[in-house]
Amino acid sequence: MKKLVSILSLVLGITIVLSGCSSNKNKYTKKEDSIINLANNEINKLYDVKINKDNLEYSVGKQVKKDQYESIKDGEEPEIIAVTAKRFDDIKKGDVLSYSLIYNTKTKEVISSNIDKY
């Protein structure tokens, strides 16, 4: 129970931190779109889940300071990226409800990740 509360707190915290970043379901920059694809692939590898990109809403950001993120502009190559994804409709058993990923693009390492399934 404690672990579940910690995980949910992490997802909520990252979502709040990224709330100022992009979160429009159908309109992402090319850079954000490529980061979303990268995040979906990493989550798929880590948790062996199928993710339909169109069923989730995303927030994408780059780390500028510890626990501080901001939007990514096209052409930028940030070292640390953070992605949160949330699903709000048509939820079925086994669906991914949300996930979060913090990733180092230079070392290609996952710094932290979390997933919530129904």
PDB file of N, CA and C in Angstrom:
ATOM      1  N   MET A   1       0.824  -1.191   0.000  1.00  0.00           N
ATOM      2  CA  MET A   1       0.000   0.000   0.000  1.00  0.00           C
ATOM      3  C   MET A   1       0.869   1.256   0.000  1.00  0.00           C
ATOM      4  N   LYS A   2       1.931   1.229   0.828  1.00  0.00           N
ATOM      5  CA  LYS A   2       2.823   2.375   0.898  1.00  0.00           C
ATOM      6  C   LYS A   2       3.490   2.623  -0.458  1.00  0.00           C
ATOM      7  N   LYS A   3       3.867   1.508  -1.124  1.00  0.00           N
ATOM      8  CA  LYS A   3       4.519   1.624  -2.427  1.00  0.00           C
ATOM      9  C   LYS A   3       3.559   2.241  -3.453  1.00  0.00           C
ATOM     10  N   LEU A   4       2.308   1.805  -3.430  1.00  0.00           N
ATOM     11  CA  LEU A   4       1.313   2.332  -4.363  1.00  0.00           C
ATOM     12  C   LEU A   4       1.113   3.829  -4.155  1.00  0.00           C
ATOM     13  N   VAL A   5       1.028   4.247  -2.899  1.00  0.00           N
ATOM     14  CA  VAL A   5       0.865   5.673  -2.599  1.00  0.00           C
ATOM     15  C   VAL A   5       2.082   6.455  -3.083  1.00  0.00           C
ATOM     16  N   SER A   6       3.281   5.895  -2.891  1.00  0.00           N
ATOM     17  CA  SER A   6       4.502   6.563  -3.350  1.00  0.00           C
ATOM     18  C   SER A   6       4.514   6.709  -4.864  1.00  0.00           C
ATOM     19  N   ILE A   7       4.134   5.650  -5.555  1.00  0.00           N
ATOM     20  CA  ILE A   7       4.128   5.670  -7.022  1.00  0.00           C
ATOM     21  C   ILE A   7       3.106   6.684  -7.533  1.00  0.00           C
ATOM     22  N   LEU A   8       1.912   6.662  -6.960  1.00  0.00           N
ATOM     23  CA  LEU A   8       0.885   7.620  -7.387  1.00  0.00           C
ATOM     24  C   LEU A   8       1.308   9.053  -7.085  1.00  0.00           C
ATOM     25  N   SER A   9       1.992   9.250  -5.962  1.00  0.00           N
ATOM     26  CA  SER A   9       2.495  10.586  -5.623  1.00  0.00           C
ATOM     27  C   SER A   9       3.527  11.050  -6.637  1.00  0.00           C
ATOM     28  N   LEU A  10       4.402  10.129  -7.078  1.00  0.00           N
ATOM     29  CA  LEU A  10       5.413  10.465  -8.077  1.00  0.00           C
ATOM     30  C   LEU A  10       4.755  10.911  -9.378  1.00  0.00           C
ATOM     31  N   VAL A  11       3.785  10.135  -9.850  1.00  0.00           N
ATOM     32  CA  VAL A  11       3.092  10.486 -11.098  1.00  0.00           C
ATOM     33  C   VAL A  11       2.394  11.834 -10.955  1.00  0.00           C
ATOM     34  N   LEU A  12       1.705  12.038  -9.857  1.00  0.00           N
ATOM     35  CA  LEU A  12       1.015  13.307  -9.636  1.00  0.00           C
ATOM     36  C   LEU A  12       2.002  14.460  -9.574  1.00  0.00           C
ATOM     37  N   GLY A  13       3.117  14.259  -8.880  1.00  0.00           N
ATOM     38  CA  GLY A  13       4.130  15.315  -8.765  1.00  0.00           C
ATOM     39  C   GLY A  13       4.704  15.707 -10.102  1.00  0.00           C
ATOM     40  N   ILE A  14       5.060  14.723 -10.915  1.00  0.00           N
ATOM     41  CA  ILE A  14       5.628  15.020 -12.230  1.00  0.00           C
ATOM     42  C   ILE A  14       4.585  15.703 -13.108  1.00  0.00           C
ATOM     43  N   THR A  15       3.344  15.250 -13.023  1.00  0.00           N
ATOM     44  CA  THR A  15       2.281  15.873 -13.807  1.00  0.00           C
ATOM     45  C   THR A  15       2.106  17.337 -13.425  1.00  0.00           C
ATOM     46  N   ILE A  16       2.147  17.620 -12.136  1.00  0.00           N
ATOM     47  CA  ILE A  16       2.019  19.009 -11.678  1.00  0.00           C
ATOM     48  C   ILE A  16       3.202  19.837 -12.142  1.00  0.00           C
ATOM     49  N   VAL A  17       4.417  19.272 -12.028  1.00  0.00           N
ATOM     50  CA  VAL A  17       5.625  19.992 -12.446  1.00  0.00           C
ATOM     51  C   VAL A  17       5.559  20.323 -13.926  1.00  0.00           C
ATOM     52  N   LEU A  18       5.034  19.389 -14.706  1.00  0.00           N
ATOM     53  CA  LEU A  18       4.981  19.596 -16.150  1.00  0.00           C
ATOM     54  C   LEU A  18       3.711  20.310 -16.609  1.00  0.00           C
ATOM     55  N   SER A  19       2.875  20.729 -15.684  1.00  0.00           N
ATOM     56  CA  SER A  19       1.605  21.340 -16.078  1.00  0.00           C
ATOM     57  C   SER A  19       1.795  22.592 -16.930  1.00  0.00           C
ATOM     58  N   GLY A  20       2.902  23.258 -16.774  1.00  0.00           N
ATOM     59  CA  GLY A  20       3.183  24.434 -17.591  1.00  0.00           C
ATOM     60  C   GLY A  20       3.735  24.069 -18.951  1.00  0.00           C
ATOM     61  N   CYS A  21       4.073  22.804 -19.133  1.00  0.00           N
ATOM     62  CA  CYS A  21       4.619  22.345 -20.411  1.00  0.00           C
ATOM     63  C   CYS A  21       3.468  21.961 -21.337  1.00  0.00           C
ATOM     64  N   SER A  22       3.799  21.571 -22.530  1.00  0.00           N
ATOM     65  CA  SER A  22       2.804  21.229 -23.536  1.00  0.00           C
ATOM     66  C   SER A  22       1.918  20.078 -23.084  1.00  0.00           C
ATOM     67  N   SER A  23       0.607  20.218 -23.286  1.00  0.00           N
ATOM     68  CA  SER A  23      -0.299  19.109 -22.996  1.00  0.00           C
ATOM     69  C   SER A  23      -1.527  19.142 -23.901  1.00  0.00           C
ATOM     70  N   ASN A  24      -1.351  19.487 -25.130  1.00  0.00           N
ATOM     71  CA  ASN A  24      -2.438  19.487 -26.100  1.00  0.00           C
ATOM     72  C   ASN A  24      -2.411  18.160 -26.846  1.00  0.00           C
ATOM     73  N   LYS A  25      -3.502  17.395 -26.760  1.00  0.00           N
ATOM     74  CA  LYS A  25      -3.535  16.025 -27.260  1.00  0.00           C
ATOM     75  C   LYS A  25      -3.171  15.913 -28.737  1.00  0.00           C
ATOM     76  N   ASN A  26      -3.613  16.816 -29.567  1.00  0.00           N
ATOM     77  CA  ASN A  26      -3.424  16.672 -31.004  1.00  0.00           C
ATOM     78  C   ASN A  26      -2.416  17.639 -31.592  1.00  0.00           C
ATOM     79  N   LYS A  27      -1.735  18.375 -30.790  1.00  0.00           N
ATOM     80  CA  LYS A  27      -0.834  19.374 -31.346  1.00  0.00           C
ATOM     81  C   LYS A  27       0.473  19.410 -30.568  1.00  0.00           C
ATOM     82  N   TYR A  28       1.453  18.709 -31.093  1.00  0.00           N
ATOM     83  CA  TYR A  28       2.781  18.681 -30.494  1.00  0.00           C
ATOM     84  C   TYR A  28       3.782  19.145 -31.538  1.00  0.00           C
ATOM     85  N   THR A  29       4.866  19.740 -31.075  1.00  0.00           N
ATOM     86  CA  THR A  29       5.927  20.098 -32.010  1.00  0.00           C
ATOM     87  C   THR A  29       6.565  18.813 -32.521  1.00  0.00           C
ATOM     88  N   LYS A  30       7.347  18.919 -33.580  1.00  0.00           N
ATOM     89  CA  LYS A  30       8.047  17.741 -34.109  1.00  0.00           C
ATOM     90  C   LYS A  30       8.945  17.131 -33.042  1.00  0.00           C
ATOM     91  N   LYS A  31       9.614  17.979 -32.287  1.00  0.00           N
ATOM     92  CA  LYS A  31      10.514  17.501 -31.231  1.00  0.00           C
ATOM     93  C   LYS A  31       9.722  16.773 -30.149  1.00  0.00           C
ATOM     94  N   GLU A  32       8.620  17.370 -29.709  1.00  0.00           N
ATOM     95  CA  GLU A  32       7.792  16.727 -28.692  1.00  0.00           C
ATOM     96  C   GLU A  32       7.261  15.389 -29.194  1.00  0.00           C
ATOM     97  N   ASP A  33       6.842  15.349 -30.455  1.00  0.00           N
ATOM     98  CA  ASP A  33       6.321  14.118 -31.033  1.00  0.00           C
ATOM     99  C   ASP A  33       7.386  13.019 -31.032  1.00  0.00           C
ATOM    100  N   SER A  34       8.616  13.365 -31.377  1.00  0.00           N
ATOM    101  CA  SER A  34       9.682  12.351 -31.375  1.00  0.00           C
ATOM    102  C   SER A  34      10.000  11.898 -29.947  1.00  0.00           C
ATOM    103  N   ILE A  35       9.923  12.803 -28.981  1.00  0.00           N
ATOM    104  CA  ILE A  35      10.158  12.440 -27.579  1.00  0.00           C
ATOM    105  C   ILE A  35       9.025  11.543 -27.067  1.00  0.00           C
ATOM    106  N   ILE A  36       7.799  11.828 -27.452  1.00  0.00           N
ATOM    107  CA  ILE A  36       6.661  10.986 -27.070  1.00  0.00           C
ATOM    108  C   ILE A  36       6.855   9.576 -27.620  1.00  0.00           C
ATOM    109  N   ASN A  37       7.275   9.465 -28.878  1.00  0.00           N
ATOM    110  CA  ASN A  37       7.528   8.147 -29.462  1.00  0.00           C
ATOM    111  C   ASN A  37       8.631   7.418 -28.707  1.00  0.00           C
ATOM    112  N   LEU A  38       9.703   8.123 -28.369  1.00  0.00           N
ATOM    113  CA  LEU A  38      10.796   7.538 -27.595  1.00  0.00           C
ATOM    114  C   LEU A  38      10.280   7.048 -26.240  1.00  0.00           C
ATOM    115  N   ALA A  39       9.503   7.881 -25.552  1.00  0.00           N
ATOM    116  CA  ALA A  39       8.970   7.515 -24.235  1.00  0.00           C
ATOM    117  C   ALA A  39       8.052   6.298 -24.332  1.00  0.00           C
ATOM    118  N   ASN A  40       7.172   6.278 -25.324  1.00  0.00           N
ATOM    119  CA  ASN A  40       6.285   5.125 -25.504  1.00  0.00           C
ATOM    120  C   ASN A  40       7.087   3.850 -25.735  1.00  0.00           C
ATOM    121  N   ASN A  41       8.142   3.932 -26.547  1.00  0.00           N
ATOM    122  CA  ASN A  41       8.986   2.761 -26.802  1.00  0.00           C
ATOM    123  C   ASN A  41       9.701   2.300 -25.541  1.00  0.00           C
ATOM    124  N   GLU A  42      10.224   3.235 -24.759  1.00  0.00           N
ATOM    125  CA  GLU A  42      10.919   2.874 -23.512  1.00  0.00           C
ATOM    126  C   GLU A  42       9.953   2.225 -22.520  1.00  0.00           C
ATOM    127  N   ILE A  43       8.769   2.789 -22.372  1.00  0.00           N
ATOM    128  CA  ILE A  43       7.775   2.214 -21.456  1.00  0.00           C
ATOM    129  C   ILE A  43       7.368   0.825 -21.943  1.00  0.00           C
ATOM    130  N   ASN A  44       7.212   0.662 -23.242  1.00  0.00           N
ATOM    131  CA  ASN A  44       6.877  -0.643 -23.810  1.00  0.00           C
ATOM    132  C   ASN A  44       7.955  -1.669 -23.471  1.00  0.00           C
ATOM    133  N   LYS A  45       9.230  -1.286 -23.623  1.00  0.00           N
ATOM    134  CA  LYS A  45      10.332  -2.206 -23.305  1.00  0.00           C
ATOM    135  C   LYS A  45      10.385  -2.535 -21.815  1.00  0.00           C
ATOM    136  N   LEU A  46      10.209  -1.524 -20.981  1.00  0.00           N
ATOM    137  CA  LEU A  46      10.329  -1.725 -19.532  1.00  0.00           C
ATOM    138  C   LEU A  46       9.186  -2.549 -18.941  1.00  0.00           C
ATOM    139  N   TYR A  47       7.971  -2.321 -19.429  1.00  0.00           N
ATOM    140  CA  TYR A  47       6.795  -2.918 -18.795  1.00  0.00           C
ATOM    141  C   TYR A  47       6.035  -3.896 -19.693  1.00  0.00           C
ATOM    142  N   ASP A  48       6.514  -4.122 -20.910  1.00  0.00           N
ATOM    143  CA  ASP A  48       5.882  -5.037 -21.858  1.00  0.00           C
ATOM    144  C   ASP A  48       4.388  -4.729 -22.023  1.00  0.00           C
ATOM    145  N   VAL A  49       4.093  -3.490 -22.384  1.00  0.00           N
ATOM    146  CA  VAL A  49       2.715  -3.054 -22.607  1.00  0.00           C
ATOM    147  C   VAL A  49       2.595  -2.474 -24.015  1.00  0.00           C
ATOM    148  N   LYS A  50       1.393  -2.518 -24.535  1.00  0.00           N
ATOM    149  CA  LYS A  50       1.098  -1.881 -25.821  1.00  0.00           C
ATOM    150  C   LYS A  50       0.506  -0.508 -25.529  1.00  0.00           C
ATOM    151  N   ILE A  51       1.053   0.507 -26.179  1.00  0.00           N
ATOM    152  CA  ILE A  51       0.560   1.868 -25.975  1.00  0.00           C
ATOM    153  C   ILE A  51       0.049   2.418 -27.298  1.00  0.00           C
ATOM    154  N   ASN A  52      -1.209   2.829 -27.295  1.00  0.00           N
ATOM    155  CA  ASN A  52      -1.784   3.513 -28.447  1.00  0.00           C
ATOM    156  C   ASN A  52      -1.607   5.010 -28.197  1.00  0.00           C
ATOM    157  N   LYS A  53      -0.716   5.600 -28.948  1.00  0.00           N
ATOM    158  CA  LYS A  53      -0.359   7.013 -28.754  1.00  0.00           C
ATOM    159  C   LYS A  53      -1.577   7.935 -28.764  1.00  0.00           C
ATOM    160  N   ASP A  54      -2.568   7.621 -29.574  1.00  0.00           N
ATOM    161  CA  ASP A  54      -3.734   8.490 -29.723  1.00  0.00           C
ATOM    162  C   ASP A  54      -4.689   8.444 -28.530  1.00  0.00           C
ATOM    163  N   ASN A  55      -4.538   7.448 -27.647  1.00  0.00           N
ATOM    164  CA  ASN A  55      -5.434   7.324 -26.493  1.00  0.00           C
ATOM    165  C   ASN A  55      -4.940   8.066 -25.258  1.00  0.00           C
ATOM    166  N   LEU A  56      -3.764   8.650 -25.328  1.00  0.00           N
ATOM    167  CA  LEU A  56      -3.177   9.312 -24.167  1.00  0.00           C
ATOM    168  C   LEU A  56      -2.961  10.796 -24.437  1.00  0.00           C
ATOM    169  N   GLU A  57      -2.996  11.582 -23.378  1.00  0.00           N
ATOM    170  CA  GLU A  57      -2.622  12.999 -23.453  1.00  0.00           C
ATOM    171  C   GLU A  57      -1.262  13.134 -22.792  1.00  0.00           C
ATOM    172  N   TYR A  58      -0.380  13.916 -23.401  1.00  0.00           N
ATOM    173  CA  TYR A  58       1.013  13.975 -22.975  1.00  0.00           C
ATOM    174  C   TYR A  58       1.422  15.363 -22.498  1.00  0.00           C
ATOM    175  N   SER A  59       2.343  15.355 -21.551  1.00  0.00           N
ATOM    176  CA  SER A  59       3.081  16.552 -21.159  1.00  0.00           C
ATOM    177  C   SER A  59       4.550  16.221 -21.363  1.00  0.00           C
ATOM    178  N   VAL A  60       5.249  17.103 -22.045  1.00  0.00           N
ATOM    179  CA  VAL A  60       6.657  16.867 -22.377  1.00  0.00           C
ATOM    180  C   VAL A  60       7.461  18.069 -21.907  1.00  0.00           C
ATOM    181  N   GLY A  61       8.577  17.811 -21.255  1.00  0.00           N
ATOM    182  CA  GLY A  61       9.412  18.911 -20.787  1.00  0.00           C
ATOM    183  C   GLY A  61      10.872  18.532 -20.709  1.00  0.00           C
ATOM    184  N   LYS A  62      11.705  19.549 -20.550  1.00  0.00           N
ATOM    185  CA  LYS A  62      13.141  19.331 -20.353  1.00  0.00           C
ATOM    186  C   LYS A  62      13.493  19.811 -18.956  1.00  0.00           C
ATOM    187  N   GLN A  63      14.477  19.165 -18.360  1.00  0.00           N
ATOM    188  CA  GLN A  63      14.902  19.565 -17.027  1.00  0.00           C
ATOM    189  C   GLN A  63      15.844  20.751 -17.142  1.00  0.00           C
ATOM    190  N   VAL A  64      15.548  21.814 -16.402  1.00  0.00           N
ATOM    191  CA  VAL A  64      16.421  22.989 -16.381  1.00  0.00           C
ATOM    192  C   VAL A  64      17.128  23.125 -15.040  1.00  0.00           C
ATOM    193  N   LYS A  65      16.515  22.621 -13.993  1.00  0.00           N
ATOM    194  CA  LYS A  65      17.102  22.552 -12.653  1.00  0.00           C
ATOM    195  C   LYS A  65      16.497  21.329 -11.987  1.00  0.00           C
ATOM    196  N   LYS A  66      17.051  20.951 -10.855  1.00  0.00           N
ATOM    197  CA  LYS A  66      16.467  19.826 -10.136  1.00  0.00           C
ATOM    198  C   LYS A  66      14.999  20.140  -9.844  1.00  0.00           C
ATOM    199  N   ASP A  67      14.117  19.241 -10.247  1.00  0.00           N
ATOM    200  CA  ASP A  67      12.671  19.383 -10.051  1.00  0.00           C
ATOM    201  C   ASP A  67      12.073  20.600 -10.743  1.00  0.00           C
ATOM    202  N   GLN A  68      12.724  21.108 -11.799  1.00  0.00           N
ATOM    203  CA  GLN A  68      12.156  22.211 -12.575  1.00  0.00           C
ATOM    204  C   GLN A  68      12.258  21.858 -14.056  1.00  0.00           C
ATOM    205  N   TYR A  69      11.114  21.896 -14.724  1.00  0.00           N
ATOM    206  CA  TYR A  69      11.033  21.532 -16.135  1.00  0.00           C
ATOM    207  C   TYR A  69      10.351  22.649 -16.909  1.00  0.00           C
ATOM    208  N   GLU A  70      10.639  22.702 -18.213  1.00  0.00           N
ATOM    209  CA  GLU A  70       9.957  23.657 -19.085  1.00  0.00           C
ATOM    210  C   GLU A  70       9.790  23.032 -20.459  1.00  0.00           C
ATOM    211  N   SER A  71       8.997  23.682 -21.288  1.00  0.00           N
ATOM    212  CA  SER A  71       8.708  23.167 -22.625  1.00  0.00           C
ATOM    213  C   SER A  71       9.961  23.065 -23.477  1.00  0.00           C
ATOM    214  N   ILE A  72       9.902  22.148 -24.431  1.00  0.00           N
ATOM    215  CA  ILE A  72      11.010  21.939 -25.366  1.00  0.00           C
ATOM    216  C   ILE A  72      10.637  22.583 -26.691  1.00  0.00           C
ATOM    217  N   LYS A  73      11.564  23.325 -27.251  1.00  0.00           N
ATOM    218  CA  LYS A  73      11.344  23.950 -28.553  1.00  0.00           C
ATOM    219  C   LYS A  73      11.986  23.085 -29.634  1.00  0.00           C
ATOM    220  N   ASP A  74      11.431  23.162 -30.851  1.00  0.00           N
ATOM    221  CA  ASP A  74      12.038  22.434 -31.969  1.00  0.00           C
ATOM    222  C   ASP A  74      13.489  22.856 -32.123  1.00  0.00           C
ATOM    223  N   GLY A  75      14.347  21.898 -32.392  1.00  0.00           N
ATOM    224  CA  GLY A  75      15.764  22.177 -32.574  1.00  0.00           C
ATOM    225  C   GLY A  75      16.577  22.016 -31.303  1.00  0.00           C
ATOM    226  N   GLU A  76      15.920  22.044 -30.147  1.00  0.00           N
ATOM    227  CA  GLU A  76      16.634  21.851 -28.887  1.00  0.00           C
ATOM    228  C   GLU A  76      16.952  20.369 -28.693  1.00  0.00           C
ATOM    229  N   GLU A  77      18.072  20.111 -28.063  1.00  0.00           N
ATOM    230  CA  GLU A  77      18.477  18.749 -27.736  1.00  0.00           C
ATOM    231  C   GLU A  77      18.747  18.669 -26.235  1.00  0.00           C
ATOM    232  N   PRO A  78      17.707  18.664 -25.412  1.00  0.00           N
ATOM    233  CA  PRO A  78      17.913  18.641 -23.967  1.00  0.00           C
ATOM    234  C   PRO A  78      18.501  17.312 -23.507  1.00  0.00           C
ATOM    235  N   GLU A  79      19.305  17.381 -22.453  1.00  0.00           N
ATOM    236  CA  GLU A  79      19.922  16.159 -21.929  1.00  0.00           C
ATOM    237  C   GLU A  79      18.913  15.325 -21.138  1.00  0.00           C
ATOM    238  N   ILE A  80      18.150  15.972 -20.279  1.00  0.00           N
ATOM    239  CA  ILE A  80      17.170  15.263 -19.451  1.00  0.00           C
ATOM    240  C   ILE A  80      15.765  15.672 -19.883  1.00  0.00           C
ATOM    241  N   ILE A  81      14.958  14.665 -20.232  1.00  0.00           N
ATOM    242  CA  ILE A  81      13.582  14.925 -20.641  1.00  0.00           C
ATOM    243  C   ILE A  81      12.626  14.211 -19.684  1.00  0.00           C
ATOM    244  N   ALA A  82      11.426  14.746 -19.582  1.00  0.00           N
ATOM    245  CA  ALA A  82      10.385  14.129 -18.761  1.00  0.00           C
ATOM    246  C   ALA A  82       9.097  14.084 -19.567  1.00  0.00           C
ATOM    247  N   VAL A  83       8.426  12.945 -19.506  1.00  0.00           N
ATOM    248  CA  VAL A  83       7.158  12.767 -20.208  1.00  0.00           C
ATOM    249  C   VAL A  83       6.160  12.160 -19.226  1.00  0.00           C
ATOM    250  N   THR A  84       4.979  12.722 -19.177  1.00  0.00           N
ATOM    251  CA  THR A  84       3.874  12.084 -18.468  1.00  0.00           C
ATOM    252  C   THR A  84       2.751  11.884 -19.474  1.00  0.00           C
ATOM    253  N   ALA A  85       2.049  10.788 -19.314  1.00  0.00           N
ATOM    254  CA  ALA A  85       0.936  10.469 -20.197  1.00  0.00           C
ATOM    255  C   ALA A  85      -0.249  10.061 -19.331  1.00  0.00           C
ATOM    256  N   LYS A  86      -1.434  10.524 -19.719  1.00  0.00           N
ATOM    257  CA  LYS A  86      -2.653  10.222 -18.963  1.00  0.00           C
ATOM    258  C   LYS A  86      -3.752   9.816 -19.931  1.00  0.00           C
ATOM    259  N   ARG A  87      -4.582   8.884 -19.491  1.00  0.00           N
ATOM    260  CA  ARG A  87      -5.727   8.453 -20.283  1.00  0.00           C
ATOM    261  C   ARG A  87      -6.996   8.808 -19.527  1.00  0.00           C
ATOM    262  N   PHE A  88      -7.983   9.345 -20.244  1.00  0.00           N
ATOM    263  CA  PHE A  88      -9.206   9.795 -19.594  1.00  0.00           C
ATOM    264  C   PHE A  88     -10.470   9.080 -20.067  1.00  0.00           C
ATOM    265  N   ASP A  89     -10.442   8.434 -21.218  1.00  0.00           N
ATOM    266  CA  ASP A  89     -11.683   7.862 -21.736  1.00  0.00           C
ATOM    267  C   ASP A  89     -11.484   6.450 -22.271  1.00  0.00           C
ATOM    268  N   ASP A  90     -12.591   5.748 -22.487  1.00  0.00           N
ATOM    269  CA  ASP A  90     -12.600   4.392 -23.048  1.00  0.00           C
ATOM    270  C   ASP A  90     -11.617   3.466 -22.335  1.00  0.00           C
ATOM    271  N   ILE A  91     -11.690   3.426 -21.025  1.00  0.00           N
ATOM    272  CA  ILE A  91     -10.754   2.618 -20.244  1.00  0.00           C
ATOM    273  C   ILE A  91     -11.279   1.190 -20.132  1.00  0.00           C
ATOM    274  N   LYS A  92     -10.387   0.242 -20.462  1.00  0.00           N
ATOM    275  CA  LYS A  92     -10.711  -1.178 -20.360  1.00  0.00           C
ATOM    276  C   LYS A  92      -9.658  -1.857 -19.498  1.00  0.00           C
ATOM    277  N   LYS A  93     -10.018  -3.015 -18.966  1.00  0.00           N
ATOM    278  CA  LYS A  93      -9.089  -3.773 -18.133  1.00  0.00           C
ATOM    279  C   LYS A  93      -7.796  -4.033 -18.905  1.00  0.00           C
ATOM    280  N   GLY A  94      -6.674  -3.774 -18.257  1.00  0.00           N
ATOM    281  CA  GLY A  94      -5.367  -3.971 -18.871  1.00  0.00           C
ATOM    282  C   GLY A  94      -4.805  -2.731 -19.542  1.00  0.00           C
ATOM    283  N   ASP A  95      -5.630  -1.689 -19.708  1.00  0.00           N
ATOM    284  CA  ASP A  95      -5.164  -0.453 -20.348  1.00  0.00           C
ATOM    285  C   ASP A  95      -4.171   0.290 -19.465  1.00  0.00           C
ATOM    286  N   VAL A  96      -3.258   0.990 -20.107  1.00  0.00           N
ATOM    287  CA  VAL A  96      -2.362   1.896 -19.399  1.00  0.00           C
ATOM    288  C   VAL A  96      -3.157   3.155 -19.076  1.00  0.00           C
ATOM    289  N   LEU A  97      -3.261   3.479 -17.783  1.00  0.00           N
ATOM    290  CA  LEU A  97      -3.982   4.684 -17.364  1.00  0.00           C
ATOM    291  C   LEU A  97      -3.076   5.903 -17.402  1.00  0.00           C
ATOM    292  N   SER A  98      -1.825   5.706 -16.971  1.00  0.00           N
ATOM    293  CA  SER A  98      -0.862   6.805 -16.981  1.00  0.00           C
ATOM    294  C   SER A  98       0.539   6.232 -16.868  1.00  0.00           C
ATOM    295  N   TYR A  99       1.498   7.046 -17.283  1.00  0.00           N
ATOM    296  CA  TYR A  99       2.889   6.697 -17.032  1.00  0.00           C
ATOM    297  C   TYR A  99       3.708   7.964 -16.935  1.00  0.00           C
ATOM    298  N   SER A 100       4.872   7.814 -16.339  1.00  0.00           N
ATOM    299  CA  SER A 100       5.833   8.915 -16.303  1.00  0.00           C
ATOM    300  C   SER A 100       7.206   8.342 -16.617  1.00  0.00           C
ATOM    301  N   LEU A 101       8.016   9.147 -17.262  1.00  0.00           N
ATOM    302  CA  LEU A 101       9.358   8.719 -17.638  1.00  0.00           C
ATOM    303  C   LEU A 101      10.286   9.924 -17.573  1.00  0.00           C
ATOM    304  N   ILE A 102      11.402   9.761 -16.905  1.00  0.00           N
ATOM    305  CA  ILE A 102      12.483  10.747 -16.943  1.00  0.00           C
ATOM    306  C   ILE A 102      13.658  10.026 -17.572  1.00  0.00           C
ATOM    307  N   TYR A 103      14.240  10.633 -18.609  1.00  0.00           N
ATOM    308  CA  TYR A 103      15.188   9.936 -19.478  1.00  0.00           C
ATOM    309  C   TYR A 103      16.370  10.838 -19.796  1.00  0.00           C
ATOM    310  N   ASN A 104      17.571  10.256 -19.782  1.00  0.00           N
ATOM    311  CA  ASN A 104      18.785  10.971 -20.160  1.00  0.00           C
ATOM    312  C   ASN A 104      19.063  10.661 -21.630  1.00  0.00           C
ATOM    313  N   THR A 105      18.943  11.664 -22.489  1.00  0.00           N
ATOM    314  CA  THR A 105      19.110  11.445 -23.925  1.00  0.00           C
ATOM    315  C   THR A 105      20.566  11.235 -24.326  1.00  0.00           C
ATOM    316  N   LYS A 106      21.495  11.701 -23.508  1.00  0.00           N
ATOM    317  CA  LYS A 106      22.925  11.537 -23.833  1.00  0.00           C
ATOM    318  C   LYS A 106      23.385  10.111 -23.553  1.00  0.00           C
ATOM    319  N   THR A 107      23.035   9.594 -22.373  1.00  0.00           N
ATOM    320  CA  THR A 107      23.461   8.244 -21.987  1.00  0.00           C
ATOM    321  C   THR A 107      22.451   7.183 -22.394  1.00  0.00           C
ATOM    322  N   LYS A 108      21.273   7.620 -22.849  1.00  0.00           N
ATOM    323  CA  LYS A 108      20.178   6.722 -23.234  1.00  0.00           C
ATOM    324  C   LYS A 108      19.737   5.840 -22.064  1.00  0.00           C
ATOM    325  N   GLU A 109      19.724   6.436 -20.874  1.00  0.00           N
ATOM    326  CA  GLU A 109      19.324   5.715 -19.667  1.00  0.00           C
ATOM    327  C   GLU A 109      18.015   6.265 -19.116  1.00  0.00           C
ATOM    328  N   VAL A 110      17.194   5.355 -18.618  1.00  0.00           N
ATOM    329  CA  VAL A 110      15.981   5.747 -17.916  1.00  0.00           C
ATOM    330  C   VAL A 110      16.377   6.118 -16.492  1.00  0.00           C
ATOM    331  N   ILE A 111      16.071   7.337 -16.096  1.00  0.00           N
ATOM    332  CA  ILE A 111      16.374   7.803 -14.741  1.00  0.00           C
ATOM    333  C   ILE A 111      15.289   7.328 -13.785  1.00  0.00           C
ATOM    334  N   SER A 112      14.041   7.478 -14.190  1.00  0.00           N
ATOM    335  CA  SER A 112      12.933   6.937 -13.398  1.00  0.00           C
ATOM    336  C   SER A 112      11.741   6.701 -14.314  1.00  0.00           C
ATOM    337  N   SER A 113      10.904   5.766 -13.900  1.00  0.00           N
ATOM    338  CA  SER A 113       9.702   5.471 -14.679  1.00  0.00           C
ATOM    339  C   SER A 113       8.633   4.914 -13.752  1.00  0.00           C
ATOM    340  N   ASN A 114       7.407   5.046 -14.202  1.00  0.00           N
ATOM    341  CA  ASN A 114       6.272   4.541 -13.447  1.00  0.00           C
ATOM    342  C   ASN A 114       5.119   4.319 -14.419  1.00  0.00           C
ATOM    343  N   ILE A 115       4.313   3.313 -14.124  1.00  0.00           N
ATOM    344  CA  ILE A 115       3.152   3.045 -14.961  1.00  0.00           C
ATOM    345  C   ILE A 115       1.986   2.633 -14.069  1.00  0.00           C
ATOM    346  N   ASP A 116       0.792   3.061 -14.445  1.00  0.00           N
ATOM    347  CA  ASP A 116      -0.434   2.651 -13.765  1.00  0.00           C
ATOM    348  C   ASP A 116      -1.337   2.005 -14.805  1.00  0.00           C
ATOM    349  N   LYS A 117      -1.760   0.771 -14.511  1.00  0.00           N
ATOM    350  CA  LYS A 117      -2.655   0.039 -15.406  1.00  0.00           C
ATOM    351  C   LYS A 117      -3.975  -0.221 -14.706  1.00  0.00           C
ATOM    352  N   TYR A 118      -5.015  -0.347 -15.513  1.00  0.00           N
ATOM    353  CA  TYR A 118      -6.340  -0.653 -14.976  1.00  0.00           C
ATOM    354  C   TYR A 118      -6.478  -2.149 -14.851  1.00  0.00           C
TER     355      TYR A 118
END
